[in-house]
Amino acid sequence: MKEAPYFPRLIRTRLLEALDDTPTILIHGPRQSGKTTLTRRVGGERDYAYITFDDSNILAAASEDPVGFVDRLPERVILDEVQRVPQLFAALKQAIDQDRVAARFLLTGSANVLLAPRLSDSLAGRMEILRLYPLAQCEIENMQPHFLGELFAGTMQLPPSGRLGNELVQRVLAGGYPEPQQRAAGRRRREWYRNYMEIIT
């Protein structure tokens, strides 16, 4: 099977900084924005175990005995789709308070987990929250952003070729989600977005 291309994410630098001094880091954002890909790539470089609550057996175990589940976790772990187990947050707080070390838990959440009362109450002061948006144009092109820096420094120059024209329209229509970037422009991308909107609404 052909491996999907990886888009380097700008938020990676902030994630690595947070891993140096924060017990828990939450990457949250819309579904299919690349949260799992980012955390698995960074976690793989640092020997993190990976657990997803999309697995019904794991979800049941964590829901029935959150404290026991957290006690059995590896030293460093990615917990994917953590919004599915809101009762886990109090157990994570207890584990952090017993052994407050940096980079212990790396969480992802698709829904707005910040609205869950147990999360906001339990992990305040113990967690850094990073929002992952769909891809920026510089991430798609694998380039460092420079627009704002040059704009504020007064050094920005427009390219001699002028505006993007039709290419700009195509970039807007392609959007910023990783999956449709891998599809041919036109109908196949439109189908992805149509189905995405139909499923989440």
N, C-alpha and C. Protein backbone atom coordinates (compact mmCIF):
# COMPACT_ATOMS: atom_id res chain seq x y z
N MET A 1 0.84 -1.19 0.00
CA MET A 1 0.00 0.00 0.00
C MET A 1 0.88 1.24 0.00
N LYS A 2 0.53 2.22 -0.83
CA LYS A 2 1.31 3.45 -0.94
C LYS A 2 1.13 4.30 0.33
N GLU A 3 2.26 4.75 0.89
CA GLU A 3 2.21 5.55 2.10
C GLU A 3 1.79 6.98 1.77
N ALA A 4 0.87 7.52 2.56
CA ALA A 4 0.41 8.89 2.33
C ALA A 4 1.54 9.87 2.62
N PRO A 5 1.60 10.97 1.89
CA PRO A 5 2.66 11.95 2.15
C PRO A 5 2.49 12.59 3.52
N TYR A 6 3.60 12.94 4.13
CA TYR A 6 3.56 13.61 5.43
C TYR A 6 3.79 15.10 5.23
N PHE A 7 2.94 15.90 5.83
CA PHE A 7 3.08 17.35 5.77
C PHE A 7 3.68 17.83 7.09
N PRO A 8 4.90 18.35 7.10
CA PRO A 8 5.47 18.89 8.33
C PRO A 8 4.59 20.00 8.88
N ARG A 9 4.31 19.95 10.18
CA ARG A 9 3.39 20.92 10.78
C ARG A 9 4.14 21.99 11.56
N LEU A 10 3.68 23.21 11.43
CA LEU A 10 4.32 24.34 12.11
C LEU A 10 4.22 24.22 13.63
N ILE A 11 3.15 23.60 14.10
CA ILE A 11 2.93 23.48 15.54
C ILE A 11 3.91 22.51 16.20
N ARG A 12 4.63 21.75 15.43
CA ARG A 12 5.58 20.77 15.97
C ARG A 12 6.59 21.42 16.92
N THR A 13 7.09 22.60 16.60
CA THR A 13 8.05 23.28 17.47
C THR A 13 7.45 23.55 18.84
N ARG A 14 6.22 24.05 18.86
CA ARG A 14 5.56 24.32 20.14
C ARG A 14 5.31 23.03 20.91
N LEU A 15 4.98 21.95 20.19
CA LEU A 15 4.77 20.67 20.85
C LEU A 15 6.05 20.17 21.50
N LEU A 16 7.17 20.26 20.80
CA LEU A 16 8.45 19.82 21.37
C LEU A 16 8.83 20.66 22.58
N GLU A 17 8.56 21.96 22.54
CA GLU A 17 8.84 22.82 23.71
C GLU A 17 8.00 22.40 24.90
N ALA A 18 6.72 22.10 24.64
CA ALA A 18 5.83 21.70 25.73
C ALA A 18 6.26 20.37 26.34
N LEU A 19 6.78 19.47 25.51
CA LEU A 19 7.23 18.17 26.02
C LEU A 19 8.41 18.30 26.97
N ASP A 20 9.12 19.41 26.93
CA ASP A 20 10.27 19.62 27.81
C ASP A 20 9.87 19.92 29.25
N ASP A 21 8.65 20.44 29.46
CA ASP A 21 8.34 20.91 30.82
C ASP A 21 6.90 20.72 31.28
N THR A 22 6.08 20.06 30.50
CA THR A 22 4.66 19.94 30.85
C THR A 22 4.25 18.47 30.95
N PRO A 23 3.54 18.08 32.02
CA PRO A 23 3.16 16.67 32.18
C PRO A 23 2.23 16.16 31.09
N THR A 24 1.26 16.99 30.68
CA THR A 24 0.26 16.56 29.71
C THR A 24 0.12 17.61 28.62
N ILE A 25 0.08 17.16 27.38
CA ILE A 25 -0.14 18.05 26.26
C ILE A 25 -1.35 17.54 25.50
N LEU A 26 -2.28 18.44 25.24
CA LEU A 26 -3.47 18.10 24.46
C LEU A 26 -3.38 18.77 23.10
N ILE A 27 -3.44 17.96 22.05
CA ILE A 27 -3.57 18.47 20.69
C ILE A 27 -5.04 18.33 20.32
N HIS A 28 -5.71 19.45 20.09
CA HIS A 28 -7.12 19.32 19.72
C HIS A 28 -7.40 20.15 18.48
N GLY A 29 -8.43 19.74 17.78
CA GLY A 29 -8.80 20.40 16.54
C GLY A 29 -9.82 19.56 15.80
N PRO A 30 -10.22 20.01 14.62
CA PRO A 30 -11.26 19.29 13.88
C PRO A 30 -10.80 17.91 13.44
N ARG A 31 -11.76 17.04 13.21
CA ARG A 31 -11.46 15.70 12.73
C ARG A 31 -10.72 15.77 11.40
N GLN A 32 -9.78 14.87 11.23
CA GLN A 32 -9.01 14.72 10.00
C GLN A 32 -8.05 15.89 9.73
N SER A 33 -7.72 16.66 10.78
CA SER A 33 -6.76 17.77 10.59
C SER A 33 -5.31 17.31 10.74
N GLY A 34 -5.09 16.09 11.22
CA GLY A 34 -3.74 15.55 11.31
C GLY A 34 -3.21 15.36 12.72
N LYS A 35 -4.08 15.35 13.72
CA LYS A 35 -3.65 15.23 15.11
C LYS A 35 -2.95 13.90 15.38
N THR A 36 -3.56 12.81 14.94
CA THR A 36 -2.97 11.49 15.17
C THR A 36 -1.65 11.34 14.43
N THR A 37 -1.60 11.79 13.20
CA THR A 37 -0.36 11.70 12.42
C THR A 37 0.77 12.45 13.11
N LEU A 38 0.49 13.66 13.56
CA LEU A 38 1.52 14.46 14.23
C LEU A 38 1.97 13.81 15.53
N THR A 39 1.03 13.40 16.38
CA THR A 39 1.42 12.84 17.67
C THR A 39 2.14 11.50 17.51
N ARG A 40 1.71 10.69 16.56
CA ARG A 40 2.39 9.40 16.36
C ARG A 40 3.80 9.60 15.81
N ARG A 41 3.98 10.60 14.97
CA ARG A 41 5.32 10.85 14.43
C ARG A 41 6.25 11.35 15.54
N VAL A 42 5.80 12.34 16.31
CA VAL A 42 6.62 12.86 17.41
C VAL A 42 6.79 11.79 18.48
N GLY A 43 5.70 11.10 18.82
CA GLY A 43 5.78 10.05 19.84
C GLY A 43 6.68 8.90 19.42
N GLY A 44 6.68 8.57 18.14
CA GLY A 44 7.55 7.50 17.65
C GLY A 44 9.02 7.82 17.81
N GLU A 45 9.35 9.10 17.73
CA GLU A 45 10.74 9.53 17.92
C GLU A 45 11.17 9.48 19.38
N ARG A 46 10.18 9.40 20.29
CA ARG A 46 10.47 9.43 21.73
C ARG A 46 9.96 8.20 22.46
N ASP A 47 9.70 7.13 21.74
CA ASP A 47 9.28 5.85 22.33
C ASP A 47 7.98 5.93 23.12
N TYR A 48 7.01 6.64 22.61
CA TYR A 48 5.69 6.66 23.23
C TYR A 48 4.89 5.44 22.78
N ALA A 49 4.14 4.87 23.70
CA ALA A 49 3.14 3.88 23.34
C ALA A 49 1.94 4.62 22.76
N TYR A 50 1.13 3.92 21.98
CA TYR A 50 -0.03 4.54 21.36
C TYR A 50 -1.28 3.75 21.71
N ILE A 51 -2.30 4.47 22.23
CA ILE A 51 -3.58 3.86 22.57
C ILE A 51 -4.68 4.73 22.00
N THR A 52 -5.61 4.10 21.29
CA THR A 52 -6.73 4.86 20.74
C THR A 52 -8.05 4.41 21.36
N PHE A 53 -8.87 5.37 21.70
CA PHE A 53 -10.18 5.06 22.25
C PHE A 53 -11.21 4.81 21.15
N ASP A 54 -10.76 4.75 19.91
CA ASP A 54 -11.61 4.24 18.83
C ASP A 54 -11.75 2.73 18.92
N ASP A 55 -10.85 2.09 19.67
CA ASP A 55 -10.92 0.65 19.92
C ASP A 55 -11.95 0.42 21.03
N SER A 56 -13.02 -0.30 20.71
CA SER A 56 -14.13 -0.45 21.66
C SER A 56 -13.72 -1.18 22.94
N ASN A 57 -12.78 -2.12 22.86
CA ASN A 57 -12.33 -2.83 24.06
C ASN A 57 -11.55 -1.90 24.99
N ILE A 58 -10.69 -1.08 24.41
CA ILE A 58 -9.92 -0.13 25.21
C ILE A 58 -10.85 0.92 25.80
N LEU A 59 -11.81 1.38 25.01
CA LEU A 59 -12.77 2.36 25.49
C LEU A 59 -13.55 1.81 26.68
N ALA A 60 -13.99 0.56 26.60
CA ALA A 60 -14.74 -0.05 27.69
C ALA A 60 -13.88 -0.19 28.95
N ALA A 61 -12.63 -0.61 28.78
CA ALA A 61 -11.74 -0.77 29.94
C ALA A 61 -11.49 0.56 30.64
N ALA A 62 -11.26 1.60 29.87
CA ALA A 62 -10.99 2.92 30.46
C ALA A 62 -12.24 3.50 31.11
N SER A 63 -13.39 3.25 30.53
CA SER A 63 -14.64 3.79 31.07
C SER A 63 -15.04 3.10 32.37
N GLU A 64 -14.82 1.78 32.44
CA GLU A 64 -15.25 1.01 33.62
C GLU A 64 -14.33 1.20 34.81
N ASP A 65 -13.03 1.38 34.57
CA ASP A 65 -12.07 1.52 35.67
C ASP A 65 -10.97 2.52 35.27
N PRO A 66 -11.31 3.83 35.28
CA PRO A 66 -10.34 4.83 34.82
C PRO A 66 -9.05 4.83 35.63
N VAL A 67 -9.14 4.69 36.94
CA VAL A 67 -7.94 4.73 37.78
C VAL A 67 -7.05 3.53 37.48
N GLY A 68 -7.64 2.35 37.44
CA GLY A 68 -6.87 1.16 37.12
C GLY A 68 -6.26 1.23 35.73
N PHE A 69 -7.01 1.76 34.79
CA PHE A 69 -6.53 1.89 33.42
C PHE A 69 -5.29 2.78 33.37
N VAL A 70 -5.36 3.94 34.03
CA VAL A 70 -4.23 4.88 34.03
C VAL A 70 -3.04 4.27 34.77
N ASP A 71 -3.29 3.54 35.85
CA ASP A 71 -2.20 2.91 36.61
C ASP A 71 -1.41 1.92 35.75
N ARG A 72 -2.08 1.30 34.78
CA ARG A 72 -1.42 0.29 33.95
C ARG A 72 -0.79 0.87 32.68
N LEU A 73 -0.89 2.17 32.50
CA LEU A 73 -0.35 2.78 31.28
C LEU A 73 1.18 2.76 31.29
N PRO A 74 1.80 2.71 30.11
CA PRO A 74 3.25 2.81 30.04
C PRO A 74 3.73 4.17 30.54
N GLU A 75 5.04 4.30 30.69
CA GLU A 75 5.63 5.52 31.24
C GLU A 75 5.29 6.75 30.41
N ARG A 76 5.31 6.60 29.10
CA ARG A 76 4.93 7.69 28.18
C ARG A 76 3.93 7.14 27.18
N VAL A 77 2.81 7.85 27.01
CA VAL A 77 1.76 7.28 26.18
C VAL A 77 0.98 8.37 25.45
N ILE A 78 0.58 8.05 24.22
CA ILE A 78 -0.36 8.86 23.46
C ILE A 78 -1.74 8.27 23.69
N LEU A 79 -2.69 9.11 24.10
CA LEU A 79 -4.08 8.69 24.26
C LEU A 79 -4.90 9.43 23.20
N ASP A 80 -5.32 8.70 22.18
CA ASP A 80 -5.97 9.29 21.02
C ASP A 80 -7.49 9.29 21.18
N GLU A 81 -8.12 10.39 20.82
CA GLU A 81 -9.57 10.57 20.92
C GLU A 81 -10.04 10.52 22.37
N VAL A 82 -9.33 11.25 23.22
CA VAL A 82 -9.57 11.20 24.67
C VAL A 82 -10.93 11.77 25.06
N GLN A 83 -11.55 12.56 24.18
CA GLN A 83 -12.87 13.11 24.51
C GLN A 83 -13.92 12.02 24.68
N ARG A 84 -13.62 10.81 24.21
CA ARG A 84 -14.57 9.71 24.32
C ARG A 84 -14.63 9.14 25.74
N VAL A 85 -13.66 9.51 26.59
CA VAL A 85 -13.61 8.98 27.96
C VAL A 85 -13.43 10.14 28.95
N PRO A 86 -14.44 10.98 29.13
CA PRO A 86 -14.28 12.14 30.02
C PRO A 86 -13.97 11.76 31.47
N GLN A 87 -14.40 10.56 31.89
CA GLN A 87 -14.12 10.14 33.26
C GLN A 87 -12.65 9.83 33.50
N LEU A 88 -11.87 9.80 32.44
CA LEU A 88 -10.44 9.51 32.56
C LEU A 88 -9.65 10.69 33.12
N PHE A 89 -10.18 11.91 32.97
CA PHE A 89 -9.42 13.10 33.31
C PHE A 89 -9.04 13.18 34.80
N ALA A 90 -9.96 12.78 35.67
CA ALA A 90 -9.65 12.80 37.11
C ALA A 90 -8.55 11.79 37.43
N ALA A 91 -8.57 10.65 36.77
CA ALA A 91 -7.52 9.64 36.99
C ALA A 91 -6.17 10.14 36.47
N LEU A 92 -6.17 10.87 35.36
CA LEU A 92 -4.92 11.45 34.86
C LEU A 92 -4.37 12.47 35.84
N LYS A 93 -5.25 13.29 36.41
CA LYS A 93 -4.84 14.28 37.42
C LYS A 93 -4.17 13.58 38.60
N GLN A 94 -4.77 12.51 39.08
CA GLN A 94 -4.21 11.77 40.22
C GLN A 94 -2.83 11.22 39.87
N ALA A 95 -2.69 10.66 38.70
CA ALA A 95 -1.39 10.09 38.29
C ALA A 95 -0.33 11.19 38.16
N ILE A 96 -0.70 12.33 37.62
CA ILE A 96 0.25 13.44 37.47
C ILE A 96 0.68 13.96 38.84
N ASP A 97 -0.28 14.09 39.76
CA ASP A 97 0.05 14.60 41.09
C ASP A 97 0.93 13.64 41.88
N GLN A 98 0.82 12.36 41.60
CA GLN A 98 1.67 11.38 42.28
C GLN A 98 3.09 11.34 41.72
N ASP A 99 3.22 11.66 40.44
CA ASP A 99 4.53 11.61 39.79
C ASP A 99 4.55 12.66 38.67
N ARG A 100 4.90 13.88 39.07
CA ARG A 100 4.80 15.01 38.13
C ARG A 100 6.08 15.10 37.30
N VAL A 101 6.08 14.41 36.18
CA VAL A 101 7.20 14.46 35.25
C VAL A 101 6.71 15.02 33.92
N ALA A 102 7.63 15.64 33.19
CA ALA A 102 7.26 16.23 31.91
C ALA A 102 7.01 15.15 30.86
N ALA A 103 6.14 15.48 29.92
CA ALA A 103 5.93 14.68 28.71
C ALA A 103 5.34 13.30 28.98
N ARG A 104 4.58 13.16 30.04
CA ARG A 104 4.05 11.84 30.38
C ARG A 104 2.87 11.42 29.50
N PHE A 105 1.94 12.34 29.31
CA PHE A 105 0.74 12.03 28.53
C PHE A 105 0.63 12.99 27.35
N LEU A 106 0.39 12.43 26.18
CA LEU A 106 0.14 13.21 24.97
C LEU A 106 -1.26 12.83 24.50
N LEU A 107 -2.17 13.79 24.58
CA LEU A 107 -3.58 13.53 24.29
C LEU A 107 -3.99 14.15 22.97
N THR A 108 -4.95 13.53 22.29
CA THR A 108 -5.60 14.17 21.14
C THR A 108 -7.10 14.14 21.36
N GLY A 109 -7.77 15.14 20.83
CA GLY A 109 -9.22 15.19 20.92
C GLY A 109 -9.83 15.92 19.75
N SER A 110 -10.86 15.32 19.17
CA SER A 110 -11.51 15.92 18.01
C SER A 110 -12.62 16.88 18.42
N ALA A 111 -13.44 16.47 19.36
CA ALA A 111 -14.49 17.37 19.83
C ALA A 111 -13.84 18.45 20.69
N ASN A 112 -14.59 19.46 21.04
CA ASN A 112 -14.03 20.50 21.89
C ASN A 112 -13.99 19.99 23.32
N VAL A 113 -12.93 19.26 23.64
CA VAL A 113 -12.81 18.64 24.95
C VAL A 113 -12.73 19.68 26.05
N LEU A 114 -12.41 20.91 25.70
CA LEU A 114 -12.33 21.96 26.72
C LEU A 114 -13.69 22.28 27.33
N LEU A 115 -14.76 21.87 26.67
CA LEU A 115 -16.10 22.10 27.20
C LEU A 115 -16.48 21.06 28.24
N ALA A 116 -15.70 19.97 28.34
CA ALA A 116 -15.99 18.93 29.32
C ALA A 116 -15.59 19.42 30.71
N PRO A 117 -16.54 19.53 31.64
CA PRO A 117 -16.21 20.07 32.97
C PRO A 117 -15.11 19.32 33.67
N ARG A 118 -15.07 17.99 33.53
CA ARG A 118 -14.05 17.21 34.23
C ARG A 118 -12.66 17.56 33.75
N LEU A 119 -12.53 17.90 32.48
CA LEU A 119 -11.22 18.24 31.94
C LEU A 119 -10.77 19.59 32.46
N SER A 120 -11.62 20.59 32.33
CA SER A 120 -11.22 21.94 32.74
C SER A 120 -10.92 21.98 34.24
N ASP A 121 -11.66 21.22 35.04
CA ASP A 121 -11.42 21.20 36.49
C ASP A 121 -10.19 20.38 36.86
N SER A 122 -10.02 19.22 36.21
CA SER A 122 -9.02 18.26 36.66
C SER A 122 -7.60 18.60 36.22
N LEU A 123 -7.43 19.08 35.01
CA LEU A 123 -6.08 19.21 34.46
C LEU A 123 -5.58 20.64 34.38
N ALA A 124 -6.29 21.56 35.01
CA ALA A 124 -5.83 22.95 35.03
C ALA A 124 -4.45 23.02 35.69
N GLY A 125 -3.51 23.69 35.04
CA GLY A 125 -2.15 23.83 35.57
C GLY A 125 -1.27 22.61 35.34
N ARG A 126 -1.84 21.57 34.74
CA ARG A 126 -1.08 20.33 34.51
C ARG A 126 -0.98 20.01 33.01
N MET A 127 -1.59 20.85 32.17
CA MET A 127 -1.70 20.52 30.77
C MET A 127 -1.50 21.76 29.91
N GLU A 128 -0.80 21.57 28.79
CA GLU A 128 -0.72 22.61 27.77
C GLU A 128 -1.62 22.20 26.61
N ILE A 129 -2.34 23.19 26.08
CA ILE A 129 -3.31 22.93 25.03
C ILE A 129 -2.79 23.55 23.73
N LEU A 130 -2.69 22.73 22.69
CA LEU A 130 -2.25 23.19 21.37
C LEU A 130 -3.36 22.90 20.36
N ARG A 131 -3.75 23.91 19.64
CA ARG A 131 -4.82 23.77 18.63
C ARG A 131 -4.19 23.48 17.27
N LEU A 132 -4.61 22.40 16.65
CA LEU A 132 -4.11 22.05 15.32
C LEU A 132 -5.21 22.35 14.30
N TYR A 133 -4.90 23.25 13.40
CA TYR A 133 -5.81 23.61 12.33
C TYR A 133 -5.49 22.79 11.08
N PRO A 134 -6.38 22.80 10.09
CA PRO A 134 -6.00 22.18 8.82
C PRO A 134 -4.74 22.85 8.25
N LEU A 135 -4.19 22.25 7.22
CA LEU A 135 -2.91 22.68 6.68
C LEU A 135 -2.91 24.12 6.19
N ALA A 136 -1.84 24.83 6.54
CA ALA A 136 -1.57 26.15 5.95
C ALA A 136 -0.89 25.93 4.61
N GLN A 137 -0.93 26.93 3.75
CA GLN A 137 -0.30 26.81 2.44
C GLN A 137 1.20 26.52 2.56
N CYS A 138 1.87 27.15 3.53
CA CYS A 138 3.30 26.89 3.68
C CYS A 138 3.57 25.45 4.13
N GLU A 139 2.64 24.83 4.87
CA GLU A 139 2.80 23.43 5.24
C GLU A 139 2.61 22.53 4.02
N ILE A 140 1.64 22.85 3.18
CA ILE A 140 1.42 22.07 1.96
C ILE A 140 2.64 22.14 1.06
N GLU A 141 3.25 23.33 0.98
CA GLU A 141 4.42 23.53 0.11
C GLU A 141 5.73 23.17 0.82
N ASN A 142 5.65 22.79 2.12
CA ASN A 142 6.84 22.46 2.91
C ASN A 142 7.85 23.62 2.91
N MET A 143 7.33 24.80 3.23
CA MET A 143 8.15 26.01 3.29
C MET A 143 7.96 26.68 4.65
N GLN A 144 8.96 27.41 5.08
CA GLN A 144 8.83 28.18 6.31
C GLN A 144 8.01 29.44 6.01
N PRO A 145 7.11 29.82 6.92
CA PRO A 145 6.31 31.03 6.69
C PRO A 145 7.19 32.28 6.83
N HIS A 146 6.94 33.25 6.00
CA HIS A 146 7.73 34.49 6.07
C HIS A 146 6.89 35.73 5.84
N PHE A 147 5.61 35.55 5.49
CA PHE A 147 4.77 36.67 5.10
C PHE A 147 4.68 37.75 6.18
N LEU A 148 4.28 37.36 7.40
CA LEU A 148 4.09 38.36 8.46
C LEU A 148 5.40 39.03 8.86
N GLY A 149 6.46 38.23 8.96
CA GLY A 149 7.77 38.80 9.32
C GLY A 149 8.21 39.85 8.33
N GLU A 150 8.08 39.54 7.05
CA GLU A 150 8.48 40.49 6.01
C GLU A 150 7.55 41.69 5.97
N LEU A 151 6.26 41.44 6.20
CA LEU A 151 5.29 42.53 6.18
C LEU A 151 5.60 43.56 7.27
N PHE A 152 5.83 43.09 8.51
CA PHE A 152 6.09 44.00 9.61
C PHE A 152 7.49 44.61 9.55
N ALA A 153 8.42 43.91 8.91
CA ALA A 153 9.77 44.46 8.75
C ALA A 153 9.85 45.44 7.58
N GLY A 154 8.80 45.49 6.78
CA GLY A 154 8.79 46.38 5.63
C GLY A 154 9.66 45.90 4.49
N THR A 155 9.95 44.59 4.46
CA THR A 155 10.83 44.05 3.42
C THR A 155 10.09 43.20 2.40
N MET A 156 8.77 43.14 2.51
CA MET A 156 8.00 42.27 1.63
C MET A 156 7.97 42.83 0.21
N GLN A 157 8.23 41.95 -0.74
CA GLN A 157 8.18 42.33 -2.15
C GLN A 157 7.24 41.38 -2.87
N LEU A 158 6.41 41.94 -3.72
CA LEU A 158 5.52 41.10 -4.51
C LEU A 158 6.31 40.43 -5.62
N PRO A 159 6.02 39.17 -5.90
CA PRO A 159 6.74 38.51 -7.00
C PRO A 159 6.43 39.19 -8.33
N PRO A 160 7.38 39.18 -9.25
CA PRO A 160 7.16 39.86 -10.53
C PRO A 160 6.05 39.24 -11.37
N SER A 161 5.69 37.99 -11.08
CA SER A 161 4.66 37.33 -11.89
C SER A 161 3.25 37.80 -11.58
N GLY A 162 3.08 38.57 -10.50
CA GLY A 162 1.76 39.10 -10.17
C GLY A 162 0.92 38.11 -9.37
N ARG A 163 -0.39 38.28 -9.44
CA ARG A 163 -1.32 37.47 -8.65
C ARG A 163 -1.37 36.02 -9.15
N LEU A 164 -1.86 35.14 -8.25
CA LEU A 164 -1.94 33.72 -8.59
C LEU A 164 -3.04 33.42 -9.60
N GLY A 165 -4.07 34.25 -9.63
CA GLY A 165 -5.15 34.03 -10.60
C GLY A 165 -5.86 32.72 -10.37
N ASN A 166 -5.95 31.90 -11.41
CA ASN A 166 -6.67 30.62 -11.33
C ASN A 166 -6.03 29.68 -10.32
N GLU A 167 -4.72 29.77 -10.13
CA GLU A 167 -4.06 28.91 -9.15
C GLU A 167 -4.57 29.20 -7.74
N LEU A 168 -4.85 30.49 -7.46
CA LEU A 168 -5.40 30.85 -6.16
C LEU A 168 -6.76 30.19 -5.96
N VAL A 169 -7.60 30.21 -6.98
CA VAL A 169 -8.91 29.57 -6.89
C VAL A 169 -8.76 28.08 -6.59
N GLN A 170 -7.83 27.41 -7.27
CA GLN A 170 -7.61 25.99 -7.07
C GLN A 170 -7.11 25.69 -5.66
N ARG A 171 -6.25 26.56 -5.12
CA ARG A 171 -5.76 26.36 -3.76
C ARG A 171 -6.88 26.51 -2.74
N VAL A 172 -7.72 27.50 -2.94
CA VAL A 172 -8.85 27.71 -2.03
C VAL A 172 -9.78 26.50 -2.09
N LEU A 173 -10.08 26.02 -3.28
CA LEU A 173 -10.98 24.88 -3.43
C LEU A 173 -10.38 23.60 -2.86
N ALA A 174 -9.06 23.47 -2.91
CA ALA A 174 -8.41 22.27 -2.35
C ALA A 174 -8.51 22.24 -0.84
N GLY A 175 -8.62 23.41 -0.20
CA GLY A 175 -8.73 23.46 1.26
C GLY A 175 -7.44 23.06 1.94
N GLY A 176 -7.52 22.78 3.24
CA GLY A 176 -6.32 22.50 4.01
C GLY A 176 -6.29 21.16 4.71
N TYR A 177 -7.27 20.31 4.46
CA TYR A 177 -7.24 19.00 5.11
C TYR A 177 -6.27 18.08 4.37
N PRO A 178 -5.49 17.30 5.10
CA PRO A 178 -4.48 16.45 4.44
C PRO A 178 -5.04 15.46 3.42
N GLU A 179 -6.15 14.79 3.72
CA GLU A 179 -6.66 13.74 2.83
C GLU A 179 -6.99 14.24 1.43
N PRO A 180 -7.77 15.31 1.26
CA PRO A 180 -8.08 15.74 -0.11
C PRO A 180 -6.87 16.25 -0.87
N GLN A 181 -5.80 16.62 -0.17
CA GLN A 181 -4.58 17.05 -0.86
C GLN A 181 -4.00 15.92 -1.70
N GLN A 182 -4.33 14.69 -1.33
CA GLN A 182 -3.78 13.53 -2.03
C GLN A 182 -4.67 13.09 -3.20
N ARG A 183 -5.81 13.75 -3.36
CA ARG A 183 -6.73 13.39 -4.44
C ARG A 183 -6.57 14.33 -5.63
N ALA A 184 -6.97 13.86 -6.77
CA ALA A 184 -6.95 14.70 -7.96
C ALA A 184 -7.91 15.87 -7.77
N ALA A 185 -7.52 17.03 -8.27
CA ALA A 185 -8.37 18.22 -8.16
C ALA A 185 -9.70 17.96 -8.86
N GLY A 186 -10.73 18.60 -8.34
CA GLY A 186 -12.03 18.47 -8.99
C GLY A 186 -12.98 17.60 -8.20
N ARG A 187 -13.63 16.68 -8.92
CA ARG A 187 -14.73 15.92 -8.35
C ARG A 187 -14.34 15.10 -7.13
N ARG A 188 -13.15 14.45 -7.13
CA ARG A 188 -12.78 13.60 -6.01
C ARG A 188 -12.56 14.41 -4.74
N ARG A 189 -12.00 15.59 -4.86
CA ARG A 189 -11.86 16.45 -3.68
C ARG A 189 -13.22 16.93 -3.20
N ARG A 190 -14.07 17.31 -4.13
CA ARG A 190 -15.41 17.77 -3.74
C ARG A 190 -16.17 16.67 -3.01
N GLU A 191 -16.03 15.43 -3.48
CA GLU A 191 -16.70 14.31 -2.83
C GLU A 191 -16.22 14.13 -1.39
N TRP A 192 -14.91 14.29 -1.17
CA TRP A 192 -14.37 14.15 0.19
C TRP A 192 -15.01 15.18 1.11
N TYR A 193 -15.04 16.44 0.68
CA TYR A 193 -15.61 17.49 1.51
C TYR A 193 -17.11 17.31 1.70
N ARG A 194 -17.81 16.89 0.64
CA ARG A 194 -19.25 16.68 0.77
C ARG A 194 -19.54 15.60 1.81
N ASN A 195 -18.79 14.50 1.77
CA ASN A 195 -19.00 13.43 2.73
C ASN A 195 -18.57 13.84 4.14
N TYR A 196 -17.49 14.58 4.23
CA TYR A 196 -17.02 15.06 5.54
C TYR A 196 -18.11 15.89 6.21
N MET A 197 -18.68 16.85 5.47
CA MET A 197 -19.71 17.71 6.04
C MET A 197 -20.97 16.93 6.38
N GLU A 198 -21.32 15.96 5.55
CA GLU A 198 -22.51 15.17 5.80
C GLU A 198 -22.38 14.34 7.07
N ILE A 199 -21.19 13.83 7.32
CA ILE A 199 -20.97 12.97 8.48
C ILE A 199 -20.91 13.76 9.78
N ILE A 200 -20.25 14.92 9.76
CA ILE A 200 -20.06 15.64 11.03
C ILE A 200 -21.23 16.54 11.39
N THR A 201 -22.18 16.77 10.46
CA THR A 201 -23.32 17.65 10.80
C THR A 201 -24.55 16.84 11.08
